[in-house]
Amino acid sequence: GYAFDRTLLFAAGGLAVAGVESKAF
């Protein structure tokens, strides 16, 4: 990011992990 004193603007990226559930009725 880039800091403007008290304000920080940023970009972020990387790994994502999720617990997912699918059902059929």
PDBML (XML) file of the C-alpha atoms, coordinates in Angstrom:
<?xml version="1.0" encoding="UTF-8" ?>
<PDBx:datablock datablockName="MODEL"
   xmlns:PDBx="http://pdbml.pdb.org/schema/pdbx-v50.xsd"
   xmlns:xsi="http://www.w3.org/2001/XMLSchema-instance"
   xsi:schemaLocation="http://pdbml.pdb.org/schema/pdbx-v50.xsd pdbx-v50.xsd">
   <PDBx:atom_siteCategory>
      <PDBx:atom_site id="1">
         <PDBx:B_iso_or_equiv>0.00</PDBx:B_iso_or_equiv>
         <PDBx:Cartn_x>0.000</PDBx:Cartn_x>
         <PDBx:Cartn_y>0.000</PDBx:Cartn_y>
         <PDBx:Cartn_z>0.000</PDBx:Cartn_z>
         <PDBx:auth_asym_id>A</PDBx:auth_asym_id>
         <PDBx:auth_atom_id>CA</PDBx:auth_atom_id>
         <PDBx:auth_comp_id>GLY</PDBx:auth_comp_id>
         <PDBx:auth_seq_id>1</PDBx:auth_seq_id>
         <PDBx:group_PDB>ATOM</PDBx:group_PDB>
         <PDBx:label_alt_id xsi:nil="true" />
         <PDBx:label_asym_id>A</PDBx:label_asym_id>
         <PDBx:label_atom_id>CA</PDBx:label_atom_id>
         <PDBx:label_comp_id>GLY</PDBx:label_comp_id>
         <PDBx:label_entity_id>1</PDBx:label_entity_id>
         <PDBx:label_seq_id>1</PDBx:label_seq_id>
         <PDBx:occupancy>1.00</PDBx:occupancy>
         <PDBx:pdbx_PDB_model_num>1</PDBx:pdbx_PDB_model_num>
         <PDBx:type_symbol>C</PDBx:type_symbol>
      </PDBx:atom_site>
      <PDBx:atom_site id="2">
         <PDBx:B_iso_or_equiv>0.00</PDBx:B_iso_or_equiv>
         <PDBx:Cartn_x>0.758</PDBx:Cartn_x>
         <PDBx:Cartn_y>3.725</PDBx:Cartn_y>
         <PDBx:Cartn_z>-0.036</PDBx:Cartn_z>
         <PDBx:auth_asym_id>A</PDBx:auth_asym_id>
         <PDBx:auth_atom_id>CA</PDBx:auth_atom_id>
         <PDBx:auth_comp_id>TYR</PDBx:auth_comp_id>
         <PDBx:auth_seq_id>2</PDBx:auth_seq_id>
         <PDBx:group_PDB>ATOM</PDBx:group_PDB>
         <PDBx:label_alt_id xsi:nil="true" />
         <PDBx:label_asym_id>A</PDBx:label_asym_id>
         <PDBx:label_atom_id>CA</PDBx:label_atom_id>
         <PDBx:label_comp_id>TYR</PDBx:label_comp_id>
         <PDBx:label_entity_id>1</PDBx:label_entity_id>
         <PDBx:label_seq_id>2</PDBx:label_seq_id>
         <PDBx:occupancy>1.00</PDBx:occupancy>
         <PDBx:pdbx_PDB_model_num>1</PDBx:pdbx_PDB_model_num>
         <PDBx:type_symbol>C</PDBx:type_symbol>
      </PDBx:atom_site>
      <PDBx:atom_site id="3">
         <PDBx:B_iso_or_equiv>0.00</PDBx:B_iso_or_equiv>
         <PDBx:Cartn_x>0.449</PDBx:Cartn_x>
         <PDBx:Cartn_y>5.789</PDBx:Cartn_y>
         <PDBx:Cartn_z>3.133</PDBx:Cartn_z>
         <PDBx:auth_asym_id>A</PDBx:auth_asym_id>
         <PDBx:auth_atom_id>CA</PDBx:auth_atom_id>
         <PDBx:auth_comp_id>ALA</PDBx:auth_comp_id>
         <PDBx:auth_seq_id>3</PDBx:auth_seq_id>
         <PDBx:group_PDB>ATOM</PDBx:group_PDB>
         <PDBx:label_alt_id xsi:nil="true" />
         <PDBx:label_asym_id>A</PDBx:label_asym_id>
         <PDBx:label_atom_id>CA</PDBx:label_atom_id>
         <PDBx:label_comp_id>ALA</PDBx:label_comp_id>
         <PDBx:label_entity_id>1</PDBx:label_entity_id>
         <PDBx:label_seq_id>3</PDBx:label_seq_id>
         <PDBx:occupancy>1.00</PDBx:occupancy>
         <PDBx:pdbx_PDB_model_num>1</PDBx:pdbx_PDB_model_num>
         <PDBx:type_symbol>C</PDBx:type_symbol>
      </PDBx:atom_site>
      <PDBx:atom_site id="4">
         <PDBx:B_iso_or_equiv>0.00</PDBx:B_iso_or_equiv>
         <PDBx:Cartn_x>-0.992</PDBx:Cartn_x>
         <PDBx:Cartn_y>9.317</PDBx:Cartn_y>
         <PDBx:Cartn_z>3.227</PDBx:Cartn_z>
         <PDBx:auth_asym_id>A</PDBx:auth_asym_id>
         <PDBx:auth_atom_id>CA</PDBx:auth_atom_id>
         <PDBx:auth_comp_id>PHE</PDBx:auth_comp_id>
         <PDBx:auth_seq_id>4</PDBx:auth_seq_id>
         <PDBx:group_PDB>ATOM</PDBx:group_PDB>
         <PDBx:label_alt_id xsi:nil="true" />
         <PDBx:label_asym_id>A</PDBx:label_asym_id>
         <PDBx:label_atom_id>CA</PDBx:label_atom_id>
         <PDBx:label_comp_id>PHE</PDBx:label_comp_id>
         <PDBx:label_entity_id>1</PDBx:label_entity_id>
         <PDBx:label_seq_id>4</PDBx:label_seq_id>
         <PDBx:occupancy>1.00</PDBx:occupancy>
         <PDBx:pdbx_PDB_model_num>1</PDBx:pdbx_PDB_model_num>
         <PDBx:type_symbol>C</PDBx:type_symbol>
      </PDBx:atom_site>
      <PDBx:atom_site id="5">
         <PDBx:B_iso_or_equiv>0.00</PDBx:B_iso_or_equiv>
         <PDBx:Cartn_x>-0.097</PDBx:Cartn_x>
         <PDBx:Cartn_y>9.880</PDBx:Cartn_y>
         <PDBx:Cartn_z>6.898</PDBx:Cartn_z>
         <PDBx:auth_asym_id>A</PDBx:auth_asym_id>
         <PDBx:auth_atom_id>CA</PDBx:auth_atom_id>
         <PDBx:auth_comp_id>ASP</PDBx:auth_comp_id>
         <PDBx:auth_seq_id>5</PDBx:auth_seq_id>
         <PDBx:group_PDB>ATOM</PDBx:group_PDB>
         <PDBx:label_alt_id xsi:nil="true" />
         <PDBx:label_asym_id>A</PDBx:label_asym_id>
         <PDBx:label_atom_id>CA</PDBx:label_atom_id>
         <PDBx:label_comp_id>ASP</PDBx:label_comp_id>
         <PDBx:label_entity_id>1</PDBx:label_entity_id>
         <PDBx:label_seq_id>5</PDBx:label_seq_id>
         <PDBx:occupancy>1.00</PDBx:occupancy>
         <PDBx:pdbx_PDB_model_num>1</PDBx:pdbx_PDB_model_num>
         <PDBx:type_symbol>C</PDBx:type_symbol>
      </PDBx:atom_site>
      <PDBx:atom_site id="6">
         <PDBx:B_iso_or_equiv>0.00</PDBx:B_iso_or_equiv>
         <PDBx:Cartn_x>-3.206</PDBx:Cartn_x>
         <PDBx:Cartn_y>8.531</PDBx:Cartn_y>
         <PDBx:Cartn_z>8.705</PDBx:Cartn_z>
         <PDBx:auth_asym_id>A</PDBx:auth_asym_id>
         <PDBx:auth_atom_id>CA</PDBx:auth_atom_id>
         <PDBx:auth_comp_id>ARG</PDBx:auth_comp_id>
         <PDBx:auth_seq_id>6</PDBx:auth_seq_id>
         <PDBx:group_PDB>ATOM</PDBx:group_PDB>
         <PDBx:label_alt_id xsi:nil="true" />
         <PDBx:label_asym_id>A</PDBx:label_asym_id>
         <PDBx:label_atom_id>CA</PDBx:label_atom_id>
         <PDBx:label_comp_id>ARG</PDBx:label_comp_id>
         <PDBx:label_entity_id>1</PDBx:label_entity_id>
         <PDBx:label_seq_id>6</PDBx:label_seq_id>
         <PDBx:occupancy>1.00</PDBx:occupancy>
         <PDBx:pdbx_PDB_model_num>1</PDBx:pdbx_PDB_model_num>
         <PDBx:type_symbol>C</PDBx:type_symbol>
      </PDBx:atom_site>
      <PDBx:atom_site id="7">
         <PDBx:B_iso_or_equiv>0.00</PDBx:B_iso_or_equiv>
         <PDBx:Cartn_x>-4.696</PDBx:Cartn_x>
         <PDBx:Cartn_y>6.905</PDBx:Cartn_y>
         <PDBx:Cartn_z>5.573</PDBx:Cartn_z>
         <PDBx:auth_asym_id>A</PDBx:auth_asym_id>
         <PDBx:auth_atom_id>CA</PDBx:auth_atom_id>
         <PDBx:auth_comp_id>THR</PDBx:auth_comp_id>
         <PDBx:auth_seq_id>7</PDBx:auth_seq_id>
         <PDBx:group_PDB>ATOM</PDBx:group_PDB>
         <PDBx:label_alt_id xsi:nil="true" />
         <PDBx:label_asym_id>A</PDBx:label_asym_id>
         <PDBx:label_atom_id>CA</PDBx:label_atom_id>
         <PDBx:label_comp_id>THR</PDBx:label_comp_id>
         <PDBx:label_entity_id>1</PDBx:label_entity_id>
         <PDBx:label_seq_id>7</PDBx:label_seq_id>
         <PDBx:occupancy>1.00</PDBx:occupancy>
         <PDBx:pdbx_PDB_model_num>1</PDBx:pdbx_PDB_model_num>
         <PDBx:type_symbol>C</PDBx:type_symbol>
      </PDBx:atom_site>
      <PDBx:atom_site id="8">
         <PDBx:B_iso_or_equiv>0.00</PDBx:B_iso_or_equiv>
         <PDBx:Cartn_x>-3.340</PDBx:Cartn_x>
         <PDBx:Cartn_y>3.766</PDBx:Cartn_y>
         <PDBx:Cartn_z>3.898</PDBx:Cartn_z>
         <PDBx:auth_asym_id>A</PDBx:auth_asym_id>
         <PDBx:auth_atom_id>CA</PDBx:auth_atom_id>
         <PDBx:auth_comp_id>LEU</PDBx:auth_comp_id>
         <PDBx:auth_seq_id>8</PDBx:auth_seq_id>
         <PDBx:group_PDB>ATOM</PDBx:group_PDB>
         <PDBx:label_alt_id xsi:nil="true" />
         <PDBx:label_asym_id>A</PDBx:label_asym_id>
         <PDBx:label_atom_id>CA</PDBx:label_atom_id>
         <PDBx:label_comp_id>LEU</PDBx:label_comp_id>
         <PDBx:label_entity_id>1</PDBx:label_entity_id>
         <PDBx:label_seq_id>8</PDBx:label_seq_id>
         <PDBx:occupancy>1.00</PDBx:occupancy>
         <PDBx:pdbx_PDB_model_num>1</PDBx:pdbx_PDB_model_num>
         <PDBx:type_symbol>C</PDBx:type_symbol>
      </PDBx:atom_site>
      <PDBx:atom_site id="9">
         <PDBx:B_iso_or_equiv>0.00</PDBx:B_iso_or_equiv>
         <PDBx:Cartn_x>-4.617</PDBx:Cartn_x>
         <PDBx:Cartn_y>2.611</PDBx:Cartn_y>
         <PDBx:Cartn_z>0.499</PDBx:Cartn_z>
         <PDBx:auth_asym_id>A</PDBx:auth_asym_id>
         <PDBx:auth_atom_id>CA</PDBx:auth_atom_id>
         <PDBx:auth_comp_id>LEU</PDBx:auth_comp_id>
         <PDBx:auth_seq_id>9</PDBx:auth_seq_id>
         <PDBx:group_PDB>ATOM</PDBx:group_PDB>
         <PDBx:label_alt_id xsi:nil="true" />
         <PDBx:label_asym_id>A</PDBx:label_asym_id>
         <PDBx:label_atom_id>CA</PDBx:label_atom_id>
         <PDBx:label_comp_id>LEU</PDBx:label_comp_id>
         <PDBx:label_entity_id>1</PDBx:label_entity_id>
         <PDBx:label_seq_id>9</PDBx:label_seq_id>
         <PDBx:occupancy>1.00</PDBx:occupancy>
         <PDBx:pdbx_PDB_model_num>1</PDBx:pdbx_PDB_model_num>
         <PDBx:type_symbol>C</PDBx:type_symbol>
      </PDBx:atom_site>
      <PDBx:atom_site id="10">
         <PDBx:B_iso_or_equiv>0.00</PDBx:B_iso_or_equiv>
         <PDBx:Cartn_x>-3.667</PDBx:Cartn_x>
         <PDBx:Cartn_y>-0.974</PDBx:Cartn_y>
         <PDBx:Cartn_z>-0.358</PDBx:Cartn_z>
         <PDBx:auth_asym_id>A</PDBx:auth_asym_id>
         <PDBx:auth_atom_id>CA</PDBx:auth_atom_id>
         <PDBx:auth_comp_id>PHE</PDBx:auth_comp_id>
         <PDBx:auth_seq_id>10</PDBx:auth_seq_id>
         <PDBx:group_PDB>ATOM</PDBx:group_PDB>
         <PDBx:label_alt_id xsi:nil="true" />
         <PDBx:label_asym_id>A</PDBx:label_asym_id>
         <PDBx:label_atom_id>CA</PDBx:label_atom_id>
         <PDBx:label_comp_id>PHE</PDBx:label_comp_id>
         <PDBx:label_entity_id>1</PDBx:label_entity_id>
         <PDBx:label_seq_id>10</PDBx:label_seq_id>
         <PDBx:occupancy>1.00</PDBx:occupancy>
         <PDBx:pdbx_PDB_model_num>1</PDBx:pdbx_PDB_model_num>
         <PDBx:type_symbol>C</PDBx:type_symbol>
      </PDBx:atom_site>
      <PDBx:atom_site id="11">
         <PDBx:B_iso_or_equiv>0.00</PDBx:B_iso_or_equiv>
         <PDBx:Cartn_x>-4.070</PDBx:Cartn_x>
         <PDBx:Cartn_y>-3.975</PDBx:Cartn_y>
         <PDBx:Cartn_z>-2.653</PDBx:Cartn_z>
         <PDBx:auth_asym_id>A</PDBx:auth_asym_id>
         <PDBx:auth_atom_id>CA</PDBx:auth_atom_id>
         <PDBx:auth_comp_id>ALA</PDBx:auth_comp_id>
         <PDBx:auth_seq_id>11</PDBx:auth_seq_id>
         <PDBx:group_PDB>ATOM</PDBx:group_PDB>
         <PDBx:label_alt_id xsi:nil="true" />
         <PDBx:label_asym_id>A</PDBx:label_asym_id>
         <PDBx:label_atom_id>CA</PDBx:label_atom_id>
         <PDBx:label_comp_id>ALA</PDBx:label_comp_id>
         <PDBx:label_entity_id>1</PDBx:label_entity_id>
         <PDBx:label_seq_id>11</PDBx:label_seq_id>
         <PDBx:occupancy>1.00</PDBx:occupancy>
         <PDBx:pdbx_PDB_model_num>1</PDBx:pdbx_PDB_model_num>
         <PDBx:type_symbol>C</PDBx:type_symbol>
      </PDBx:atom_site>
      <PDBx:atom_site id="12">
         <PDBx:B_iso_or_equiv>0.00</PDBx:B_iso_or_equiv>
         <PDBx:Cartn_x>-3.798</PDBx:Cartn_x>
         <PDBx:Cartn_y>-7.578</PDBx:Cartn_y>
         <PDBx:Cartn_z>-1.471</PDBx:Cartn_z>
         <PDBx:auth_asym_id>A</PDBx:auth_asym_id>
         <PDBx:auth_atom_id>CA</PDBx:auth_atom_id>
         <PDBx:auth_comp_id>ALA</PDBx:auth_comp_id>
         <PDBx:auth_seq_id>12</PDBx:auth_seq_id>
         <PDBx:group_PDB>ATOM</PDBx:group_PDB>
         <PDBx:label_alt_id xsi:nil="true" />
         <PDBx:label_asym_id>A</PDBx:label_asym_id>
         <PDBx:label_atom_id>CA</PDBx:label_atom_id>
         <PDBx:label_comp_id>ALA</PDBx:label_comp_id>
         <PDBx:label_entity_id>1</PDBx:label_entity_id>
         <PDBx:label_seq_id>12</PDBx:label_seq_id>
         <PDBx:occupancy>1.00</PDBx:occupancy>
         <PDBx:pdbx_PDB_model_num>1</PDBx:pdbx_PDB_model_num>
         <PDBx:type_symbol>C</PDBx:type_symbol>
      </PDBx:atom_site>
      <PDBx:atom_site id="13">
         <PDBx:B_iso_or_equiv>0.00</PDBx:B_iso_or_equiv>
         <PDBx:Cartn_x>-3.740</PDBx:Cartn_x>
         <PDBx:Cartn_y>-11.048</PDBx:Cartn_y>
         <PDBx:Cartn_z>-2.996</PDBx:Cartn_z>
         <PDBx:auth_asym_id>A</PDBx:auth_asym_id>
         <PDBx:auth_atom_id>CA</PDBx:auth_atom_id>
         <PDBx:auth_comp_id>GLY</PDBx:auth_comp_id>
         <PDBx:auth_seq_id>13</PDBx:auth_seq_id>
         <PDBx:group_PDB>ATOM</PDBx:group_PDB>
         <PDBx:label_alt_id xsi:nil="true" />
         <PDBx:label_asym_id>A</PDBx:label_asym_id>
         <PDBx:label_atom_id>CA</PDBx:label_atom_id>
         <PDBx:label_comp_id>GLY</PDBx:label_comp_id>
         <PDBx:label_entity_id>1</PDBx:label_entity_id>
         <PDBx:label_seq_id>13</PDBx:label_seq_id>
         <PDBx:occupancy>1.00</PDBx:occupancy>
         <PDBx:pdbx_PDB_model_num>1</PDBx:pdbx_PDB_model_num>
         <PDBx:type_symbol>C</PDBx:type_symbol>
      </PDBx:atom_site>
      <PDBx:atom_site id="14">
         <PDBx:B_iso_or_equiv>0.00</PDBx:B_iso_or_equiv>
         <PDBx:Cartn_x>-2.868</PDBx:Cartn_x>
         <PDBx:Cartn_y>-14.651</PDBx:Cartn_y>
         <PDBx:Cartn_z>-2.286</PDBx:Cartn_z>
         <PDBx:auth_asym_id>A</PDBx:auth_asym_id>
         <PDBx:auth_atom_id>CA</PDBx:auth_atom_id>
         <PDBx:auth_comp_id>GLY</PDBx:auth_comp_id>
         <PDBx:auth_seq_id>14</PDBx:auth_seq_id>
         <PDBx:group_PDB>ATOM</PDBx:group_PDB>
         <PDBx:label_alt_id xsi:nil="true" />
         <PDBx:label_asym_id>A</PDBx:label_asym_id>
         <PDBx:label_atom_id>CA</PDBx:label_atom_id>
         <PDBx:label_comp_id>GLY</PDBx:label_comp_id>
         <PDBx:label_entity_id>1</PDBx:label_entity_id>
         <PDBx:label_seq_id>14</PDBx:label_seq_id>
         <PDBx:occupancy>1.00</PDBx:occupancy>
         <PDBx:pdbx_PDB_model_num>1</PDBx:pdbx_PDB_model_num>
         <PDBx:type_symbol>C</PDBx:type_symbol>
      </PDBx:atom_site>
      <PDBx:atom_site id="15">
         <PDBx:B_iso_or_equiv>0.00</PDBx:B_iso_or_equiv>
         <PDBx:Cartn_x>-4.375</PDBx:Cartn_x>
         <PDBx:Cartn_y>-17.938</PDBx:Cartn_y>
         <PDBx:Cartn_z>-1.142</PDBx:Cartn_z>
         <PDBx:auth_asym_id>A</PDBx:auth_asym_id>
         <PDBx:auth_atom_id>CA</PDBx:auth_atom_id>
         <PDBx:auth_comp_id>LEU</PDBx:auth_comp_id>
         <PDBx:auth_seq_id>15</PDBx:auth_seq_id>
         <PDBx:group_PDB>ATOM</PDBx:group_PDB>
         <PDBx:label_alt_id xsi:nil="true" />
         <PDBx:label_asym_id>A</PDBx:label_asym_id>
         <PDBx:label_atom_id>CA</PDBx:label_atom_id>
         <PDBx:label_comp_id>LEU</PDBx:label_comp_id>
         <PDBx:label_entity_id>1</PDBx:label_entity_id>
         <PDBx:label_seq_id>15</PDBx:label_seq_id>
         <PDBx:occupancy>1.00</PDBx:occupancy>
         <PDBx:pdbx_PDB_model_num>1</PDBx:pdbx_PDB_model_num>
         <PDBx:type_symbol>C</PDBx:type_symbol>
      </PDBx:atom_site>
      <PDBx:atom_site id="16">
         <PDBx:B_iso_or_equiv>0.00</PDBx:B_iso_or_equiv>
         <PDBx:Cartn_x>-8.077</PDBx:Cartn_x>
         <PDBx:Cartn_y>-18.523</PDBx:Cartn_y>
         <PDBx:Cartn_z>-0.344</PDBx:Cartn_z>
         <PDBx:auth_asym_id>A</PDBx:auth_asym_id>
         <PDBx:auth_atom_id>CA</PDBx:auth_atom_id>
         <PDBx:auth_comp_id>ALA</PDBx:auth_comp_id>
         <PDBx:auth_seq_id>16</PDBx:auth_seq_id>
         <PDBx:group_PDB>ATOM</PDBx:group_PDB>
         <PDBx:label_alt_id xsi:nil="true" />
         <PDBx:label_asym_id>A</PDBx:label_asym_id>
         <PDBx:label_atom_id>CA</PDBx:label_atom_id>
         <PDBx:label_comp_id>ALA</PDBx:label_comp_id>
         <PDBx:label_entity_id>1</PDBx:label_entity_id>
         <PDBx:label_seq_id>16</PDBx:label_seq_id>
         <PDBx:occupancy>1.00</PDBx:occupancy>
         <PDBx:pdbx_PDB_model_num>1</PDBx:pdbx_PDB_model_num>
         <PDBx:type_symbol>C</PDBx:type_symbol>
      </PDBx:atom_site>
      <PDBx:atom_site id="17">
         <PDBx:B_iso_or_equiv>0.00</PDBx:B_iso_or_equiv>
         <PDBx:Cartn_x>-9.462</PDBx:Cartn_x>
         <PDBx:Cartn_y>-21.595</PDBx:Cartn_y>
         <PDBx:Cartn_z>1.428</PDBx:Cartn_z>
         <PDBx:auth_asym_id>A</PDBx:auth_asym_id>
         <PDBx:auth_atom_id>CA</PDBx:auth_atom_id>
         <PDBx:auth_comp_id>VAL</PDBx:auth_comp_id>
         <PDBx:auth_seq_id>17</PDBx:auth_seq_id>
         <PDBx:group_PDB>ATOM</PDBx:group_PDB>
         <PDBx:label_alt_id xsi:nil="true" />
         <PDBx:label_asym_id>A</PDBx:label_asym_id>
         <PDBx:label_atom_id>CA</PDBx:label_atom_id>
         <PDBx:label_comp_id>VAL</PDBx:label_comp_id>
         <PDBx:label_entity_id>1</PDBx:label_entity_id>
         <PDBx:label_seq_id>17</PDBx:label_seq_id>
         <PDBx:occupancy>1.00</PDBx:occupancy>
         <PDBx:pdbx_PDB_model_num>1</PDBx:pdbx_PDB_model_num>
         <PDBx:type_symbol>C</PDBx:type_symbol>
      </PDBx:atom_site>
      <PDBx:atom_site id="18">
         <PDBx:B_iso_or_equiv>0.00</PDBx:B_iso_or_equiv>
         <PDBx:Cartn_x>-13.149</PDBx:Cartn_x>
         <PDBx:Cartn_y>-22.320</PDBx:Cartn_y>
         <PDBx:Cartn_z>2.172</PDBx:Cartn_z>
         <PDBx:auth_asym_id>A</PDBx:auth_asym_id>
         <PDBx:auth_atom_id>CA</PDBx:auth_atom_id>
         <PDBx:auth_comp_id>ALA</PDBx:auth_comp_id>
         <PDBx:auth_seq_id>18</PDBx:auth_seq_id>
         <PDBx:group_PDB>ATOM</PDBx:group_PDB>
         <PDBx:label_alt_id xsi:nil="true" />
         <PDBx:label_asym_id>A</PDBx:label_asym_id>
         <PDBx:label_atom_id>CA</PDBx:label_atom_id>
         <PDBx:label_comp_id>ALA</PDBx:label_comp_id>
         <PDBx:label_entity_id>1</PDBx:label_entity_id>
         <PDBx:label_seq_id>18</PDBx:label_seq_id>
         <PDBx:occupancy>1.00</PDBx:occupancy>
         <PDBx:pdbx_PDB_model_num>1</PDBx:pdbx_PDB_model_num>
         <PDBx:type_symbol>C</PDBx:type_symbol>
      </PDBx:atom_site>
      <PDBx:atom_site id="19">
         <PDBx:B_iso_or_equiv>0.00</PDBx:B_iso_or_equiv>
         <PDBx:Cartn_x>-15.341</PDBx:Cartn_x>
         <PDBx:Cartn_y>-24.951</PDBx:Cartn_y>
         <PDBx:Cartn_z>3.755</PDBx:Cartn_z>
         <PDBx:auth_asym_id>A</PDBx:auth_asym_id>
         <PDBx:auth_atom_id>CA</PDBx:auth_atom_id>
         <PDBx:auth_comp_id>GLY</PDBx:auth_comp_id>
         <PDBx:auth_seq_id>19</PDBx:auth_seq_id>
         <PDBx:group_PDB>ATOM</PDBx:group_PDB>
         <PDBx:label_alt_id xsi:nil="true" />
         <PDBx:label_asym_id>A</PDBx:label_asym_id>
         <PDBx:label_atom_id>CA</PDBx:label_atom_id>
         <PDBx:label_comp_id>GLY</PDBx:label_comp_id>
         <PDBx:label_entity_id>1</PDBx:label_entity_id>
         <PDBx:label_seq_id>19</PDBx:label_seq_id>
         <PDBx:occupancy>1.00</PDBx:occupancy>
         <PDBx:pdbx_PDB_model_num>1</PDBx:pdbx_PDB_model_num>
         <PDBx:type_symbol>C</PDBx:type_symbol>
      </PDBx:atom_site>
      <PDBx:atom_site id="20">
         <PDBx:B_iso_or_equiv>0.00</PDBx:B_iso_or_equiv>
         <PDBx:Cartn_x>-18.070</PDBx:Cartn_x>
         <PDBx:Cartn_y>-25.625</PDBx:Cartn_y>
         <PDBx:Cartn_z>1.185</PDBx:Cartn_z>
         <PDBx:auth_asym_id>A</PDBx:auth_asym_id>
         <PDBx:auth_atom_id>CA</PDBx:auth_atom_id>
         <PDBx:auth_comp_id>VAL</PDBx:auth_comp_id>
         <PDBx:auth_seq_id>20</PDBx:auth_seq_id>
         <PDBx:group_PDB>ATOM</PDBx:group_PDB>
         <PDBx:label_alt_id xsi:nil="true" />
         <PDBx:label_asym_id>A</PDBx:label_asym_id>
         <PDBx:label_atom_id>CA</PDBx:label_atom_id>
         <PDBx:label_comp_id>VAL</PDBx:label_comp_id>
         <PDBx:label_entity_id>1</PDBx:label_entity_id>
         <PDBx:label_seq_id>20</PDBx:label_seq_id>
         <PDBx:occupancy>1.00</PDBx:occupancy>
         <PDBx:pdbx_PDB_model_num>1</PDBx:pdbx_PDB_model_num>
         <PDBx:type_symbol>C</PDBx:type_symbol>
      </PDBx:atom_site>
      <PDBx:atom_site id="21">
         <PDBx:B_iso_or_equiv>0.00</PDBx:B_iso_or_equiv>
         <PDBx:Cartn_x>-21.144</PDBx:Cartn_x>
         <PDBx:Cartn_y>-27.849</PDBx:Cartn_y>
         <PDBx:Cartn_z>1.386</PDBx:Cartn_z>
         <PDBx:auth_asym_id>A</PDBx:auth_asym_id>
         <PDBx:auth_atom_id>CA</PDBx:auth_atom_id>
         <PDBx:auth_comp_id>GLU</PDBx:auth_comp_id>
         <PDBx:auth_seq_id>21</PDBx:auth_seq_id>
         <PDBx:group_PDB>ATOM</PDBx:group_PDB>
         <PDBx:label_alt_id xsi:nil="true" />
         <PDBx:label_asym_id>A</PDBx:label_asym_id>
         <PDBx:label_atom_id>CA</PDBx:label_atom_id>
         <PDBx:label_comp_id>GLU</PDBx:label_comp_id>
         <PDBx:label_entity_id>1</PDBx:label_entity_id>
         <PDBx:label_seq_id>21</PDBx:label_seq_id>
         <PDBx:occupancy>1.00</PDBx:occupancy>
         <PDBx:pdbx_PDB_model_num>1</PDBx:pdbx_PDB_model_num>
         <PDBx:type_symbol>C</PDBx:type_symbol>
      </PDBx:atom_site>
      <PDBx:atom_site id="22">
         <PDBx:B_iso_or_equiv>0.00</PDBx:B_iso_or_equiv>
         <PDBx:Cartn_x>-23.430</PDBx:Cartn_x>
         <PDBx:Cartn_y>-28.954</PDBx:Cartn_y>
         <PDBx:Cartn_z>-1.460</PDBx:Cartn_z>
         <PDBx:auth_asym_id>A</PDBx:auth_asym_id>
         <PDBx:auth_atom_id>CA</PDBx:auth_atom_id>
         <PDBx:auth_comp_id>SER</PDBx:auth_comp_id>
         <PDBx:auth_seq_id>22</PDBx:auth_seq_id>
         <PDBx:group_PDB>ATOM</PDBx:group_PDB>
         <PDBx:label_alt_id xsi:nil="true" />
         <PDBx:label_asym_id>A</PDBx:label_asym_id>
         <PDBx:label_atom_id>CA</PDBx:label_atom_id>
         <PDBx:label_comp_id>SER</PDBx:label_comp_id>
         <PDBx:label_entity_id>1</PDBx:label_entity_id>
         <PDBx:label_seq_id>22</PDBx:label_seq_id>
         <PDBx:occupancy>1.00</PDBx:occupancy>
         <PDBx:pdbx_PDB_model_num>1</PDBx:pdbx_PDB_model_num>
         <PDBx:type_symbol>C</PDBx:type_symbol>
      </PDBx:atom_site>
      <PDBx:atom_site id="23">
         <PDBx:B_iso_or_equiv>0.00</PDBx:B_iso_or_equiv>
         <PDBx:Cartn_x>-26.654</PDBx:Cartn_x>
         <PDBx:Cartn_y>-30.932</PDBx:Cartn_y>
         <PDBx:Cartn_z>-1.076</PDBx:Cartn_z>
         <PDBx:auth_asym_id>A</PDBx:auth_asym_id>
         <PDBx:auth_atom_id>CA</PDBx:auth_atom_id>
         <PDBx:auth_comp_id>LYS</PDBx:auth_comp_id>
         <PDBx:auth_seq_id>23</PDBx:auth_seq_id>
         <PDBx:group_PDB>ATOM</PDBx:group_PDB>
         <PDBx:label_alt_id xsi:nil="true" />
         <PDBx:label_asym_id>A</PDBx:label_asym_id>
         <PDBx:label_atom_id>CA</PDBx:label_atom_id>
         <PDBx:label_comp_id>LYS</PDBx:label_comp_id>
         <PDBx:label_entity_id>1</PDBx:label_entity_id>
         <PDBx:label_seq_id>23</PDBx:label_seq_id>
         <PDBx:occupancy>1.00</PDBx:occupancy>
         <PDBx:pdbx_PDB_model_num>1</PDBx:pdbx_PDB_model_num>
         <PDBx:type_symbol>C</PDBx:type_symbol>
      </PDBx:atom_site>
      <PDBx:atom_site id="24">
         <PDBx:B_iso_or_equiv>0.00</PDBx:B_iso_or_equiv>
         <PDBx:Cartn_x>-29.238</PDBx:Cartn_x>
         <PDBx:Cartn_y>-32.510</PDBx:Cartn_y>
         <PDBx:Cartn_z>-3.358</PDBx:Cartn_z>
         <PDBx:auth_asym_id>A</PDBx:auth_asym_id>
         <PDBx:auth_atom_id>CA</PDBx:auth_atom_id>
         <PDBx:auth_comp_id>ALA</PDBx:auth_comp_id>
         <PDBx:auth_seq_id>24</PDBx:auth_seq_id>
         <PDBx:group_PDB>ATOM</PDBx:group_PDB>
         <PDBx:label_alt_id xsi:nil="true" />
         <PDBx:label_asym_id>A</PDBx:label_asym_id>
         <PDBx:label_atom_id>CA</PDBx:label_atom_id>
         <PDBx:label_comp_id>ALA</PDBx:label_comp_id>
         <PDBx:label_entity_id>1</PDBx:label_entity_id>
         <PDBx:label_seq_id>24</PDBx:label_seq_id>
         <PDBx:occupancy>1.00</PDBx:occupancy>
         <PDBx:pdbx_PDB_model_num>1</PDBx:pdbx_PDB_model_num>
         <PDBx:type_symbol>C</PDBx:type_symbol>
      </PDBx:atom_site>
      <PDBx:atom_site id="25">
         <PDBx:B_iso_or_equiv>0.00</PDBx:B_iso_or_equiv>
         <PDBx:Cartn_x>-32.731</PDBx:Cartn_x>
         <PDBx:Cartn_y>-33.363</PDBx:Cartn_y>
         <PDBx:Cartn_z>-2.030</PDBx:Cartn_z>
         <PDBx:auth_asym_id>A</PDBx:auth_asym_id>
         <PDBx:auth_atom_id>CA</PDBx:auth_atom_id>
         <PDBx:auth_comp_id>PHE</PDBx:auth_comp_id>
         <PDBx:auth_seq_id>25</PDBx:auth_seq_id>
         <PDBx:group_PDB>ATOM</PDBx:group_PDB>
         <PDBx:label_alt_id xsi:nil="true" />
         <PDBx:label_asym_id>A</PDBx:label_asym_id>
         <PDBx:label_atom_id>CA</PDBx:label_atom_id>
         <PDBx:label_comp_id>PHE</PDBx:label_comp_id>
         <PDBx:label_entity_id>1</PDBx:label_entity_id>
         <PDBx:label_seq_id>25</PDBx:label_seq_id>
         <PDBx:occupancy>1.00</PDBx:occupancy>
         <PDBx:pdbx_PDB_model_num>1</PDBx:pdbx_PDB_model_num>
         <PDBx:type_symbol>C</PDBx:type_symbol>
      </PDBx:atom_site>
   </PDBx:atom_siteCategory>
</PDBx:datablock>
